[in-house]
Amino acid sequence: MKTKLLLLFLFVFCNIQGQTTHNLNWERFANGSEMDLTIDIGDTVLWTWTDAFSHTVENSIGNSVETFNSGVLTGIGQSFSYTFNVEGVNDYLCGIHGAGNMSGTITVVNNLGLEDLEKNKFSISPNPGRNELNLRLSKINNNTTVEVFDVLGKKIYADKIHTKTKEVNVSRWNNGVYLVRLISDEGTQTKRFVKQ
């Protein structure tokens, strides 16, 4: 019996330890990069009302891979949390005040580990971009691949990379947010790219 309880405790502890809660203050004019997060699958975002106005937190229809809605909440200290379980981009906003006043983006990636980020650094420019997406890698190996996914998680581009720089023609892509994933033997890193 003790062995079963110990195994159950270890299983629950390991699962809880792997999840993170990210806190965001939610108030009028809360938008911009401070409202954008990149999180791992299974992480939770907690929005806390920091003004006395009525607000919602809801996914932007057509620009989010997950559906969530707090309903209308009013008052300092109110909160809404959501656990993200699907890889992709989730634009969100206040349904009362609109995207121009209260909005952000939650980008959900698979296995966002520090080891992966350090081993496989890359940059994207220009971002946002219109005609091309330029990738610059910190290092290269024989098995490096780039994949690009649209906001709904559909893979729209994949190619092997053999040099530290790669240019991708994006002029025919629809305007919007894309996830750019770099995969190598040493790990994976995902970044957001905006096509204008």
Protein backbone atom coordinates (compact mmCIF):
# COMPACT_ATOMS: atom_id res chain seq x y z
CA MET A 1 0.00 0.00 0.00
CA LYS A 2 2.82 2.41 0.90
CA THR A 3 4.50 1.71 -2.44
CA LYS A 4 1.33 2.51 -4.35
CA LEU A 5 0.85 5.77 -2.44
CA LEU A 6 4.47 6.74 -3.03
CA LEU A 7 4.18 6.05 -6.76
CA LEU A 8 0.94 8.03 -6.94
CA PHE A 9 2.54 10.95 -5.08
CA LEU A 10 5.59 10.94 -7.38
CA PHE A 11 3.38 10.82 -10.48
CA VAL A 12 1.25 13.76 -9.31
CA PHE A 13 4.31 15.75 -8.17
CA CYS A 14 6.09 15.31 -11.51
CA ASN A 15 3.00 16.36 -13.45
CA ILE A 16 2.39 19.42 -11.28
CA GLN A 17 6.03 20.48 -11.33
CA GLY A 18 6.08 20.56 -15.14
CA GLN A 19 3.26 23.12 -15.36
CA THR A 20 3.68 26.87 -14.96
CA THR A 21 1.16 29.61 -14.21
CA HIS A 22 1.83 32.92 -15.96
CA ASN A 23 0.27 36.05 -14.42
CA LEU A 24 -0.99 39.02 -16.43
CA ASN A 25 -2.56 42.22 -15.10
CA TRP A 26 -5.77 42.92 -17.04
CA GLU A 27 -6.91 46.54 -17.23
CA ARG A 28 -7.85 49.21 -19.75
CA PHE A 29 -5.09 49.92 -22.29
CA ALA A 30 -3.31 46.63 -21.49
CA ASN A 31 -1.86 45.73 -24.86
CA GLY A 32 1.47 45.50 -26.63
CA SER A 33 4.40 43.21 -26.02
CA GLU A 34 3.87 43.08 -22.24
CA MET A 35 0.62 41.18 -22.90
CA ASP A 36 2.29 38.61 -25.20
CA LEU A 37 3.57 35.33 -23.78
CA THR A 38 5.26 32.24 -25.17
CA ILE A 39 4.35 29.26 -23.00
CA ASP A 40 4.59 25.49 -23.02
CA ILE A 41 1.68 23.12 -23.65
CA GLY A 42 -0.14 22.56 -20.35
CA ASP A 43 0.80 25.95 -18.87
CA THR A 44 -1.90 28.20 -17.40
CA VAL A 45 -2.37 31.93 -17.89
CA LEU A 46 -4.03 33.86 -15.04
CA TRP A 47 -5.46 37.28 -15.92
CA THR A 48 -6.17 39.46 -12.85
CA TRP A 49 -8.36 42.57 -13.06
CA THR A 50 -6.37 45.59 -11.79
CA ASP A 51 -8.99 48.28 -12.35
CA ALA A 52 -12.66 48.68 -11.45
CA PHE A 53 -14.03 48.40 -15.00
CA SER A 54 -15.92 45.48 -16.56
CA HIS A 55 -13.80 43.31 -18.86
CA THR A 56 -13.73 39.97 -20.60
CA VAL A 57 -10.81 37.83 -21.69
CA GLU A 58 -11.67 35.95 -24.86
CA ASN A 59 -9.97 34.43 -27.85
CA SER A 60 -9.98 36.43 -31.06
CA ILE A 61 -12.26 34.45 -33.39
CA GLY A 62 -10.32 33.18 -36.39
CA ASN A 63 -6.98 34.10 -34.82
CA SER A 64 -6.77 31.52 -32.07
CA VAL A 65 -6.29 27.76 -32.01
CA GLU A 66 -8.15 27.47 -28.69
CA THR A 67 -11.50 28.87 -27.54
CA PHE A 68 -11.82 30.58 -24.16
CA ASN A 69 -14.03 33.30 -22.65
CA SER A 70 -14.14 34.62 -19.10
CA GLY A 71 -17.56 36.19 -19.43
CA VAL A 72 -17.99 39.72 -18.06
CA LEU A 73 -16.20 40.29 -14.74
CA THR A 74 -16.05 43.59 -12.86
CA GLY A 75 -13.76 44.86 -10.14
CA ILE A 76 -10.22 44.83 -8.85
CA GLY A 77 -9.04 41.35 -7.94
CA GLN A 78 -11.37 39.42 -10.24
CA SER A 79 -9.48 36.77 -12.18
CA PHE A 80 -9.78 34.27 -15.00
CA SER A 81 -7.41 31.42 -15.78
CA TYR A 82 -7.10 29.15 -18.77
CA THR A 83 -4.83 26.15 -19.36
CA PHE A 84 -3.53 25.96 -22.93
CA ASN A 85 -3.28 22.43 -24.36
CA VAL A 86 -2.90 22.98 -28.12
CA GLU A 87 0.27 24.16 -29.84
CA GLY A 88 -0.27 27.37 -31.81
CA VAL A 89 -1.05 31.08 -31.60
CA ASN A 90 -3.92 32.47 -29.54
CA ASP A 91 -4.75 36.14 -30.01
CA TYR A 92 -7.02 37.40 -27.22
CA LEU A 93 -8.85 40.61 -26.35
CA CYS A 94 -11.38 42.28 -24.10
CA GLY A 95 -14.76 41.90 -25.78
CA ILE A 96 -15.95 45.14 -24.16
CA HIS A 97 -13.01 47.45 -24.93
CA GLY A 98 -11.77 45.82 -28.15
CA ALA A 99 -8.40 44.73 -29.49
CA GLY A 100 -7.16 48.31 -29.88
CA ASN A 101 -7.40 48.89 -26.12
CA MET A 102 -6.91 45.47 -24.52
CA SER A 103 -5.28 42.58 -26.35
CA GLY A 104 -2.33 40.23 -26.54
CA THR A 105 -1.07 36.94 -27.92
CA ILE A 106 -0.37 33.64 -26.17
CA THR A 107 1.96 31.47 -28.27
CA VAL A 108 1.90 27.84 -27.14
CA VAL A 109 4.87 25.65 -28.03
CA ASN A 110 5.76 22.05 -27.33
CA ASN A 111 8.68 21.42 -24.95
CA LEU A 112 9.80 24.97 -24.30
CA GLY A 113 12.90 23.94 -22.37
CA LEU A 114 15.87 26.12 -21.52
CA GLU A 115 18.22 23.54 -22.99
CA ASP A 116 16.44 23.71 -26.35
CA LEU A 117 16.53 27.49 -26.38
CA GLU A 118 20.24 27.68 -25.65
CA LYS A 119 21.33 24.99 -28.09
CA ASN A 120 19.36 26.12 -31.09
CA LYS A 121 19.16 29.91 -31.18
CA PHE A 122 17.89 31.65 -34.30
CA SER A 123 16.55 35.04 -35.28
CA ILE A 124 13.89 36.21 -37.73
CA SER A 125 14.02 39.42 -39.75
CA PRO A 126 12.25 41.49 -40.78
CA ASN A 127 9.49 40.81 -38.32
CA PRO A 128 6.84 41.82 -39.25
CA GLY A 129 7.66 41.23 -42.91
CA ARG A 130 5.98 41.50 -46.31
CA ASN A 131 8.01 39.64 -48.93
CA GLU A 132 10.63 37.54 -47.22
CA LEU A 133 11.43 35.86 -43.95
CA ASN A 134 15.16 35.79 -43.19
CA LEU A 135 16.44 33.22 -40.71
CA ARG A 136 19.84 33.56 -39.07
CA LEU A 137 21.05 30.55 -37.06
CA SER A 138 23.69 30.56 -34.34
CA LYS A 139 24.99 27.22 -35.61
CA ILE A 140 24.09 24.54 -38.12
CA ASN A 141 24.25 20.76 -38.37
CA ASN A 142 23.30 18.26 -41.07
CA ASN A 143 19.80 17.63 -39.73
CA THR A 144 18.43 21.17 -39.33
CA THR A 145 14.89 21.77 -40.60
CA VAL A 146 12.61 24.80 -40.58
CA GLU A 147 8.83 24.40 -40.42
CA VAL A 148 6.22 27.16 -40.57
CA PHE A 149 2.66 26.78 -39.27
CA ASP A 150 -0.33 29.07 -39.70
CA VAL A 151 -2.43 30.23 -36.76
CA LEU A 152 -4.60 27.10 -37.00
CA GLY A 153 -1.58 24.81 -36.72
CA LYS A 154 -1.45 23.77 -40.40
CA LYS A 155 2.09 23.28 -41.72
CA ILE A 156 2.52 25.59 -44.71
CA TYR A 157 6.27 25.36 -45.27
CA ALA A 158 9.12 22.94 -44.49
CA ASP A 159 12.69 22.76 -45.75
CA LYS A 160 16.15 21.54 -44.75
CA ILE A 161 18.68 24.23 -43.86
CA HIS A 162 22.31 23.77 -44.91
CA THR A 163 23.73 27.22 -44.06
CA LYS A 164 23.49 29.68 -41.16
CA THR A 165 21.15 31.92 -43.16
CA LYS A 166 17.94 31.06 -44.99
CA GLU A 167 15.58 33.31 -46.97
CA VAL A 168 11.96 32.22 -47.43
CA ASN A 169 9.66 33.99 -49.92
CA VAL A 170 6.44 34.87 -48.06
CA SER A 171 4.96 37.32 -50.58
CA ARG A 172 2.08 34.94 -51.41
CA TRP A 173 1.24 34.06 -47.81
CA ASN A 174 -1.89 35.51 -46.23
CA ASN A 175 -1.38 38.33 -43.74
CA GLY A 176 -1.33 37.06 -40.18
CA VAL A 177 0.68 35.33 -37.47
CA TYR A 178 2.83 32.26 -38.16
CA LEU A 179 4.91 29.95 -35.97
CA VAL A 180 8.43 29.28 -37.24
CA ARG A 181 9.97 26.12 -35.77
CA LEU A 182 13.64 25.24 -36.07
CA ILE A 183 14.40 21.55 -35.49
CA SER A 184 17.83 19.96 -35.17
CA ASP A 185 19.47 17.00 -33.45
CA GLU A 186 20.14 19.30 -30.49
CA GLY A 187 16.59 20.52 -29.89
CA THR A 188 13.68 22.62 -31.07
CA GLN A 189 12.85 26.31 -30.87
CA THR A 190 9.69 28.08 -32.02
CA LYS A 191 9.24 31.80 -32.70
CA ARG A 192 6.41 33.97 -33.96
CA PHE A 193 6.49 35.71 -37.36
CA VAL A 194 3.95 38.32 -38.50
CA LYS A 195 3.23 38.60 -42.25
CA GLN A 196 1.91 42.01 -43.31
